[in-house]
Amino acid sequence: ARPLFLSAGFILEEGLPMDTLWRVVQSMKLAAEQ
């Protein structure tokens, strides 16, 4: 199949640094674009 659409569910632990989440989200963005 040619992949087209994805969903993303995040289970986040209390105390997770926001910059860690930001890095993960930006990595997902780049991978999805590629």
PDB file of all heavy atoms in Angstrom:
ATOM      1  N   ALA A   1       0.823  -1.207   0.000  1.00  0.00           N
ATOM      2  CA  ALA A   1       0.000   0.000   0.000  1.00  0.00           C
ATOM      3  C   ALA A   1       0.861   1.264   0.000  1.00  0.00           C
ATOM      4  O   ALA A   1       1.981   1.266   0.516  1.00  0.00           O
ATOM      5  CB  ALA A   1      -0.922   0.018   1.219  1.00  0.00           C
ATOM      6  N   ARG A   2       0.297   2.317  -0.562  1.00  0.00           N
ATOM      7  CA  ARG A   2       0.894   3.648  -0.470  1.00  0.00           C
ATOM      8  C   ARG A   2       0.334   4.322   0.776  1.00  0.00           C
ATOM      9  O   ARG A   2      -0.853   4.649   0.834  1.00  0.00           O
ATOM     10  CB  ARG A   2       0.548   4.490  -1.704  1.00  0.00           C
ATOM     11  CG  ARG A   2       1.148   5.908  -1.681  1.00  0.00           C
ATOM     12  CD  ARG A   2       0.735   6.712  -2.904  1.00  0.00           C
ATOM     13  NE  ARG A   2       1.229   6.106  -4.125  1.00  0.00           N
ATOM     14  CZ  ARG A   2       2.446   6.285  -4.618  1.00  0.00           C
ATOM     15  NH1 ARG A   2       3.311   7.054  -3.971  1.00  0.00           N
ATOM     16  NH2 ARG A   2       2.822   5.699  -5.733  1.00  0.00           N
ATOM     17  N   PRO A   3       1.154   4.550   1.803  1.00  0.00           N
ATOM     18  CA  PRO A   3       0.655   5.164   3.041  1.00  0.00           C
ATOM     19  C   PRO A   3       0.170   6.590   2.792  1.00  0.00           C
ATOM     20  O   PRO A   3       0.810   7.355   2.068  1.00  0.00           O
ATOM     21  CB  PRO A   3       1.878   5.151   3.959  1.00  0.00           C
ATOM     22  CG  PRO A   3       2.792   4.105   3.375  1.00  0.00           C
ATOM     23  CD  PRO A   3       2.568   4.174   1.899  1.00  0.00           C
ATOM     24  N   LEU A   4      -0.953   6.945   3.402  1.00  0.00           N
ATOM     25  CA  LEU A   4      -1.526   8.273   3.196  1.00  0.00           C
ATOM     26  C   LEU A   4      -1.786   9.022   4.498  1.00  0.00           C
ATOM     27  O   LEU A   4      -1.362  10.165   4.649  1.00  0.00           O
ATOM     28  CB  LEU A   4      -2.845   8.162   2.407  1.00  0.00           C
ATOM     29  CG  LEU A   4      -2.766   7.638   0.989  1.00  0.00           C
ATOM     30  CD1 LEU A   4      -4.170   7.500   0.403  1.00  0.00           C
ATOM     31  CD2 LEU A   4      -1.920   8.551   0.116  1.00  0.00           C
ATOM     32  N   PHE A   5      -2.506   8.396   5.431  1.00  0.00           N
ATOM     33  CA  PHE A   5      -2.967   9.094   6.623  1.00  0.00           C
ATOM     34  C   PHE A   5      -2.606   8.316   7.888  1.00  0.00           C
ATOM     35  O   PHE A   5      -2.723   7.096   7.934  1.00  0.00           O
ATOM     36  CB  PHE A   5      -4.485   9.284   6.578  1.00  0.00           C
ATOM     37  CG  PHE A   5      -4.962  10.018   5.359  1.00  0.00           C
ATOM     38  CD1 PHE A   5      -5.713   9.360   4.378  1.00  0.00           C
ATOM     39  CD2 PHE A   5      -4.669  11.350   5.171  1.00  0.00           C
ATOM     40  CE1 PHE A   5      -6.157  10.026   3.258  1.00  0.00           C
ATOM     41  CE2 PHE A   5      -5.106  12.036   4.042  1.00  0.00           C
ATOM     42  CZ  PHE A   5      -5.847  11.374   3.082  1.00  0.00           C
ATOM     43  N   LEU A   6      -2.203   9.064   8.918  1.00  0.00           N
ATOM     44  CA  LEU A   6      -1.867   8.476  10.203  1.00  0.00           C
ATOM     45  C   LEU A   6      -2.612   9.189  11.323  1.00  0.00           C
ATOM     46  O   LEU A   6      -2.929  10.379  11.214  1.00  0.00           O
ATOM     47  CB  LEU A   6      -0.365   8.586  10.489  1.00  0.00           C
ATOM     48  CG  LEU A   6       0.562   7.447  10.035  1.00  0.00           C
ATOM     49  CD1 LEU A   6       0.513   7.264   8.527  1.00  0.00           C
ATOM     50  CD2 LEU A   6       1.987   7.715  10.499  1.00  0.00           C
ATOM     51  N   SER A   7      -2.884   8.453  12.390  1.00  0.00           N
ATOM     52  CA  SER A   7      -3.311   9.056  13.651  1.00  0.00           C
ATOM     53  C   SER A   7      -2.143   8.953  14.633  1.00  0.00           C
ATOM     54  O   SER A   7      -1.235   8.136  14.451  1.00  0.00           O
ATOM     55  CB  SER A   7      -4.527   8.332  14.224  1.00  0.00           C
ATOM     56  OG  SER A   7      -4.164   7.038  14.681  1.00  0.00           O
ATOM     57  N   ALA A   8      -2.166   9.784  15.656  1.00  0.00           N
ATOM     58  CA  ALA A   8      -1.103   9.758  16.659  1.00  0.00           C
ATOM     59  C   ALA A   8      -1.705   9.949  18.038  1.00  0.00           C
ATOM     60  O   ALA A   8      -2.349  10.962  18.305  1.00  0.00           O
ATOM     61  CB  ALA A   8      -0.071  10.848  16.382  1.00  0.00           C
ATOM     62  N   GLY A   9      -1.521   8.965  18.909  1.00  0.00           N
ATOM     63  CA  GLY A   9      -1.971   9.054  20.290  1.00  0.00           C
ATOM     64  C   GLY A   9      -0.764   9.104  21.215  1.00  0.00           C
ATOM     65  O   GLY A   9       0.135   8.269  21.118  1.00  0.00           O
ATOM     66  N   PHE A  10      -0.736  10.089  22.100  1.00  0.00           N
ATOM     67  CA  PHE A  10       0.390  10.292  23.003  1.00  0.00           C
ATOM     68  C   PHE A  10      -0.013   9.976  24.445  1.00  0.00           C
ATOM     69  O   PHE A  10      -0.991  10.525  24.949  1.00  0.00           O
ATOM     70  CB  PHE A  10       0.876  11.743  22.945  1.00  0.00           C
ATOM     71  CG  PHE A  10       1.372  12.169  21.598  1.00  0.00           C
ATOM     72  CD1 PHE A  10       0.494  12.670  20.647  1.00  0.00           C
ATOM     73  CD2 PHE A  10       2.712  12.082  21.278  1.00  0.00           C
ATOM     74  CE1 PHE A  10       0.947  13.077  19.389  1.00  0.00           C
ATOM     75  CE2 PHE A  10       3.178  12.478  20.028  1.00  0.00           C
ATOM     76  CZ  PHE A  10       2.291  12.976  19.087  1.00  0.00           C
ATOM     77  N   ILE A  11       0.731   9.094  25.093  1.00  0.00           N
ATOM     78  CA  ILE A  11       0.600   8.851  26.527  1.00  0.00           C
ATOM     79  C   ILE A  11       1.815   9.509  27.174  1.00  0.00           C
ATOM     80  O   ILE A  11       2.948   9.044  27.002  1.00  0.00           O
ATOM     81  CB  ILE A  11       0.568   7.347  26.865  1.00  0.00           C
ATOM     82  CG1 ILE A  11      -0.472   6.621  26.009  1.00  0.00           C
ATOM     83  CG2 ILE A  11       0.327   7.145  28.349  1.00  0.00           C
ATOM     84  CD1 ILE A  11      -1.890   7.066  26.249  1.00  0.00           C
ATOM     85  N   LEU A  12       1.590  10.592  27.901  1.00  0.00           N
ATOM     86  CA  LEU A  12       2.671  11.409  28.433  1.00  0.00           C
ATOM     87  C   LEU A  12       2.717  11.300  29.951  1.00  0.00           C
ATOM     88  O   LEU A  12       1.681  11.355  30.617  1.00  0.00           O
ATOM     89  CB  LEU A  12       2.473  12.865  28.027  1.00  0.00           C
ATOM     90  CG  LEU A  12       2.256  13.118  26.523  1.00  0.00           C
ATOM     91  CD1 LEU A  12       1.895  14.564  26.280  1.00  0.00           C
ATOM     92  CD2 LEU A  12       3.495  12.725  25.734  1.00  0.00           C
ATOM     93  N   GLU A  13       3.928  11.160  30.471  1.00  0.00           N
ATOM     94  CA  GLU A  13       4.092  11.058  31.911  1.00  0.00           C
ATOM     95  C   GLU A  13       4.199  12.444  32.541  1.00  0.00           C
ATOM     96  O   GLU A  13       4.907  13.324  32.027  1.00  0.00           O
ATOM     97  CB  GLU A  13       5.347  10.249  32.237  1.00  0.00           C
ATOM     98  CG  GLU A  13       5.554  10.039  33.719  1.00  0.00           C
ATOM     99  CD  GLU A  13       6.831   9.255  34.011  1.00  0.00           C
ATOM    100  OE1 GLU A  13       7.522   8.876  33.053  1.00  0.00           O
ATOM    101  OE2 GLU A  13       7.105   9.024  35.194  1.00  0.00           O
ATOM    102  N   GLU A  14       3.506  12.634  33.631  1.00  0.00           N
ATOM    103  CA  GLU A  14       3.608  13.889  34.370  1.00  0.00           C
ATOM    104  C   GLU A  14       5.072  14.172  34.703  1.00  0.00           C
ATOM    105  O   GLU A  14       5.803  13.296  35.161  1.00  0.00           O
ATOM    106  CB  GLU A  14       2.787  13.791  35.658  1.00  0.00           C
ATOM    107  CG  GLU A  14       2.806  15.052  36.501  1.00  0.00           C
ATOM    108  CD  GLU A  14       2.047  14.877  37.807  1.00  0.00           C
ATOM    109  OE1 GLU A  14       1.626  13.729  38.092  1.00  0.00           O
ATOM    110  OE2 GLU A  14       1.878  15.877  38.517  1.00  0.00           O
ATOM    111  N   GLY A  15       5.515  15.399  34.437  1.00  0.00           N
ATOM    112  CA  GLY A  15       6.897  15.767  34.675  1.00  0.00           C
ATOM    113  C   GLY A  15       7.771  15.698  33.439  1.00  0.00           C
ATOM    114  O   GLY A  15       8.952  16.062  33.489  1.00  0.00           O
ATOM    115  N   LEU A  16       7.221  15.226  32.314  1.00  0.00           N
ATOM    116  CA  LEU A  16       7.996  15.187  31.070  1.00  0.00           C
ATOM    117  C   LEU A  16       8.371  16.614  30.659  1.00  0.00           C
ATOM    118  O   LEU A  16       7.496  17.473  30.539  1.00  0.00           O
ATOM    119  CB  LEU A  16       7.174  14.525  29.957  1.00  0.00           C
ATOM    120  CG  LEU A  16       7.821  14.472  28.570  1.00  0.00           C
ATOM    121  CD1 LEU A  16       8.934  13.434  28.548  1.00  0.00           C
ATOM    122  CD2 LEU A  16       6.782  14.160  27.493  1.00  0.00           C
ATOM    123  N   PRO A  17       9.653  16.909  30.435  1.00  0.00           N
ATOM    124  CA  PRO A  17      10.029  18.252  29.975  1.00  0.00           C
ATOM    125  C   PRO A  17       9.367  18.585  28.645  1.00  0.00           C
ATOM    126  O   PRO A  17       9.340  17.752  27.737  1.00  0.00           O
ATOM    127  CB  PRO A  17      11.555  18.164  29.840  1.00  0.00           C
ATOM    128  CG  PRO A  17      11.954  17.040  30.744  1.00  0.00           C
ATOM    129  CD  PRO A  17      10.820  16.050  30.658  1.00  0.00           C
ATOM    130  N   MET A  18       8.872  19.804  28.527  1.00  0.00           N
ATOM    131  CA  MET A  18       8.181  20.185  27.308  1.00  0.00           C
ATOM    132  C   MET A  18       9.095  20.163  26.092  1.00  0.00           C
ATOM    133  O   MET A  18       8.674  19.861  24.983  1.00  0.00           O
ATOM    134  CB  MET A  18       7.557  21.567  27.478  1.00  0.00           C
ATOM    135  CG  MET A  18       6.532  21.910  26.409  1.00  0.00           C
ATOM    136  SD  MET A  18       5.081  20.841  26.493  1.00  0.00           S
ATOM    137  CE  MET A  18       4.263  21.525  27.929  1.00  0.00           C
ATOM    138  N   ASP A  19      10.395  20.457  26.303  1.00  0.00           N
ATOM    139  CA  ASP A  19      11.294  20.440  25.154  1.00  0.00           C
ATOM    140  C   ASP A  19      11.516  19.021  24.628  1.00  0.00           C
ATOM    141  O   ASP A  19      11.778  18.815  23.449  1.00  0.00           O
ATOM    142  CB  ASP A  19      12.627  21.114  25.469  1.00  0.00           C
ATOM    143  CG  ASP A  19      13.408  20.413  26.564  1.00  0.00           C
ATOM    144  OD1 ASP A  19      12.799  19.676  27.353  1.00  0.00           O
ATOM    145  OD2 ASP A  19      14.642  20.598  26.623  1.00  0.00           O
ATOM    146  N   THR A  20      11.381  18.008  25.514  1.00  0.00           N
ATOM    147  CA  THR A  20      11.469  16.622  25.062  1.00  0.00           C
ATOM    148  C   THR A  20      10.304  16.287  24.140  1.00  0.00           C
ATOM    149  O   THR A  20      10.484  15.704  23.067  1.00  0.00           O
ATOM    150  CB  THR A  20      11.475  15.663  26.270  1.00  0.00           C
ATOM    151  OG1 THR A  20      12.626  15.925  27.072  1.00  0.00           O
ATOM    152  CG2 THR A  20      11.505  14.208  25.818  1.00  0.00           C
ATOM    153  N   LEU A  21       9.101  16.680  24.557  1.00  0.00           N
ATOM    154  CA  LEU A  21       7.931  16.457  23.711  1.00  0.00           C
ATOM    155  C   LEU A  21       8.068  17.215  22.401  1.00  0.00           C
ATOM    156  O   LEU A  21       7.724  16.700  21.334  1.00  0.00           O
ATOM    157  CB  LEU A  21       6.668  16.884  24.456  1.00  0.00           C
ATOM    158  CG  LEU A  21       5.351  16.763  23.686  1.00  0.00           C
ATOM    159  CD1 LEU A  21       5.120  15.328  23.218  1.00  0.00           C
ATOM    160  CD2 LEU A  21       4.180  17.238  24.547  1.00  0.00           C
ATOM    161  N   TRP A  22       8.573  18.420  22.481  1.00  0.00           N
ATOM    162  CA  TRP A  22       8.742  19.242  21.272  1.00  0.00           C
ATOM    163  C   TRP A  22       9.688  18.575  20.288  1.00  0.00           C
ATOM    164  O   TRP A  22       9.431  18.532  19.081  1.00  0.00           O
ATOM    165  CB  TRP A  22       9.259  20.621  21.676  1.00  0.00           C
ATOM    166  CG  TRP A  22       9.428  21.590  20.543  1.00  0.00           C
ATOM    167  CD1 TRP A  22      10.590  22.081  20.038  1.00  0.00           C
ATOM    168  CD2 TRP A  22       8.383  22.199  19.771  1.00  0.00           C
ATOM    169  NE1 TRP A  22      10.346  22.948  19.013  1.00  0.00           N
ATOM    170  CE2 TRP A  22       9.004  23.047  18.829  1.00  0.00           C
ATOM    171  CE3 TRP A  22       6.998  22.112  19.807  1.00  0.00           C
ATOM    172  CZ2 TRP A  22       8.269  23.798  17.915  1.00  0.00           C
ATOM    173  CZ3 TRP A  22       6.271  22.865  18.890  1.00  0.00           C
ATOM    174  CH2 TRP A  22       6.910  23.693  17.968  1.00  0.00           C
ATOM    175  N   ARG A  23      10.802  18.025  20.789  1.00  0.00           N
ATOM    176  CA  ARG A  23      11.751  17.330  19.919  1.00  0.00           C
ATOM    177  C   ARG A  23      11.094  16.125  19.250  1.00  0.00           C
ATOM    178  O   ARG A  23      11.305  15.872  18.056  1.00  0.00           O
ATOM    179  CB  ARG A  23      12.969  16.870  20.709  1.00  0.00           C
ATOM    180  CG  ARG A  23      13.935  17.956  21.115  1.00  0.00           C
ATOM    181  CD  ARG A  23      15.072  17.380  21.945  1.00  0.00           C
ATOM    182  NE  ARG A  23      15.855  16.398  21.173  1.00  0.00           N
ATOM    183  CZ  ARG A  23      16.761  15.596  21.722  1.00  0.00           C
ATOM    184  NH1 ARG A  23      16.967  15.621  23.039  1.00  0.00           N
ATOM    185  NH2 ARG A  23      17.447  14.752  20.960  1.00  0.00           N
ATOM    186  N   VAL A  24      10.317  15.380  20.000  1.00  0.00           N
ATOM    187  CA  VAL A  24       9.640  14.206  19.452  1.00  0.00           C
ATOM    188  C   VAL A  24       8.646  14.615  18.373  1.00  0.00           C
ATOM    189  O   VAL A  24       8.581  14.007  17.298  1.00  0.00           O
ATOM    190  CB  VAL A  24       8.935  13.425  20.576  1.00  0.00           C
ATOM    191  CG1 VAL A  24       8.023  12.335  19.995  1.00  0.00           C
ATOM    192  CG2 VAL A  24       9.951  12.795  21.516  1.00  0.00           C
ATOM    193  N   VAL A  25       7.876  15.648  18.644  1.00  0.00           N
ATOM    194  CA  VAL A  25       6.877  16.113  17.681  1.00  0.00           C
ATOM    195  C   VAL A  25       7.550  16.600  16.397  1.00  0.00           C
ATOM    196  O   VAL A  25       7.093  16.299  15.276  1.00  0.00           O
ATOM    197  CB  VAL A  25       6.003  17.219  18.302  1.00  0.00           C
ATOM    198  CG1 VAL A  25       5.160  17.917  17.242  1.00  0.00           C
ATOM    199  CG2 VAL A  25       5.102  16.635  19.382  1.00  0.00           C
ATOM    200  N   GLN A  26       8.635  17.343  16.532  1.00  0.00           N
ATOM    201  CA  GLN A  26       9.340  17.817  15.345  1.00  0.00           C
ATOM    202  C   GLN A  26       9.939  16.668  14.550  1.00  0.00           C
ATOM    203  O   GLN A  26       9.966  16.697  13.308  1.00  0.00           O
ATOM    204  CB  GLN A  26      10.428  18.819  15.750  1.00  0.00           C
ATOM    205  CG  GLN A  26       9.889  20.128  16.287  1.00  0.00           C
ATOM    206  CD  GLN A  26       8.988  20.830  15.279  1.00  0.00           C
ATOM    207  OE1 GLN A  26       9.378  21.099  14.146  1.00  0.00           O
ATOM    208  NE2 GLN A  26       7.762  21.107  15.688  1.00  0.00           N
ATOM    209  N   SER A  27      10.419  15.642  15.241  1.00  0.00           N
ATOM    210  CA  SER A  27      10.933  14.465  14.554  1.00  0.00           C
ATOM    211  C   SER A  27       9.823  13.745  13.792  1.00  0.00           C
ATOM    212  O   SER A  27      10.019  13.294  12.649  1.00  0.00           O
ATOM    213  CB  SER A  27      11.569  13.512  15.562  1.00  0.00           C
ATOM    214  OG  SER A  27      12.024  12.331  14.935  1.00  0.00           O
ATOM    215  N   MET A  28       8.650  13.655  14.410  1.00  0.00           N
ATOM    216  CA  MET A  28       7.507  13.045  13.730  1.00  0.00           C
ATOM    217  C   MET A  28       7.114  13.842  12.499  1.00  0.00           C
ATOM    218  O   MET A  28       6.785  13.281  11.449  1.00  0.00           O
ATOM    219  CB  MET A  28       6.332  12.930  14.692  1.00  0.00           C
ATOM    220  CG  MET A  28       6.545  11.956  15.836  1.00  0.00           C
ATOM    221  SD  MET A  28       5.173  11.902  17.003  1.00  0.00           S
ATOM    222  CE  MET A  28       3.916  11.071  16.012  1.00  0.00           C
ATOM    223  N   LYS A  29       7.137  15.150  12.631  1.00  0.00           N
ATOM    224  CA  LYS A  29       6.804  16.014  11.494  1.00  0.00           C
ATOM    225  C   LYS A  29       7.733  15.747  10.316  1.00  0.00           C
ATOM    226  O   LYS A  29       7.286  15.553   9.178  1.00  0.00           O
ATOM    227  CB  LYS A  29       6.907  17.473  11.915  1.00  0.00           C
ATOM    228  CG  LYS A  29       6.742  18.468  10.766  1.00  0.00           C
ATOM    229  CD  LYS A  29       7.006  19.893  11.216  1.00  0.00           C
ATOM    230  CE  LYS A  29       6.901  20.860  10.044  1.00  0.00           C
ATOM    231  NZ  LYS A  29       7.197  22.254  10.459  1.00  0.00           N
ATOM    232  N   LEU A  30       9.047  15.709  10.588  1.00  0.00           N
ATOM    233  CA  LEU A  30      10.014  15.473   9.524  1.00  0.00           C
ATOM    234  C   LEU A  30       9.848  14.093   8.907  1.00  0.00           C
ATOM    235  O   LEU A  30       9.866  13.932   7.672  1.00  0.00           O
ATOM    236  CB  LEU A  30      11.428  15.633  10.078  1.00  0.00           C
ATOM    237  CG  LEU A  30      12.576  15.371   9.093  1.00  0.00           C
ATOM    238  CD1 LEU A  30      12.506  16.329   7.917  1.00  0.00           C
ATOM    239  CD2 LEU A  30      13.928  15.497   9.805  1.00  0.00           C
ATOM    240  N   ALA A  31       9.670  13.081   9.752  1.00  0.00           N
ATOM    241  CA  ALA A  31       9.515  11.721   9.237  1.00  0.00           C
ATOM    242  C   ALA A  31       8.256  11.591   8.386  1.00  0.00           C
ATOM    243  O   ALA A  31       8.258  10.913   7.351  1.00  0.00           O
ATOM    244  CB  ALA A  31       9.471  10.726  10.394  1.00  0.00           C
ATOM    245  N   ALA A  32       7.170  12.234   8.810  1.00  0.00           N
ATOM    246  CA  ALA A  32       5.922  12.189   8.040  1.00  0.00           C
ATOM    247  C   ALA A  32       6.094  12.866   6.690  1.00  0.00           C
ATOM    248  O   ALA A  32       5.613  12.374   5.658  1.00  0.00           O
ATOM    249  CB  ALA A  32       4.793  12.828   8.834  1.00  0.00           C
ATOM    250  N   GLU A  33       6.784  13.998   6.676  1.00  0.00           N
ATOM    251  CA  GLU A  33       7.022  14.704   5.410  1.00  0.00           C
ATOM    252  C   GLU A  33       7.860  13.841   4.470  1.00  0.00           C
ATOM    253  O   GLU A  33       7.580  13.758   3.268  1.00  0.00           O
ATOM    254  CB  GLU A  33       7.717  16.030   5.689  1.00  0.00           C
ATOM    255  CG  GLU A  33       6.833  17.066   6.370  1.00  0.00           C
ATOM    256  CD  GLU A  33       7.596  18.308   6.794  1.00  0.00           C
ATOM    257  OE1 GLU A  33       8.854  18.280   6.746  1.00  0.00           O
ATOM    258  OE2 GLU A  33       6.944  19.302   7.180  1.00  0.00           O
ATOM    259  N   GLN A  34       8.890  13.214   4.999  1.00  0.00           N
ATOM    260  CA  GLN A  34       9.756  12.375   4.164  1.00  0.00           C
ATOM    261  C   GLN A  34       9.020  11.158   3.623  1.00  0.00           C
ATOM    262  O   GLN A  34       9.304  10.693   2.513  1.00  0.00           O
ATOM    263  CB  GLN A  34      10.984  11.954   4.964  1.00  0.00           C
ATOM    264  CG  GLN A  34      11.918  13.103   5.301  1.00  0.00           C
ATOM    265  CD  GLN A  34      13.069  12.702   6.194  1.00  0.00           C
ATOM    266  OE1 GLN A  34      13.005  11.701   6.911  1.00  0.00           O
ATOM    267  NE2 GLN A  34      14.140  13.473   6.168  1.00  0.00           N
TER     268      GLN A  34
END
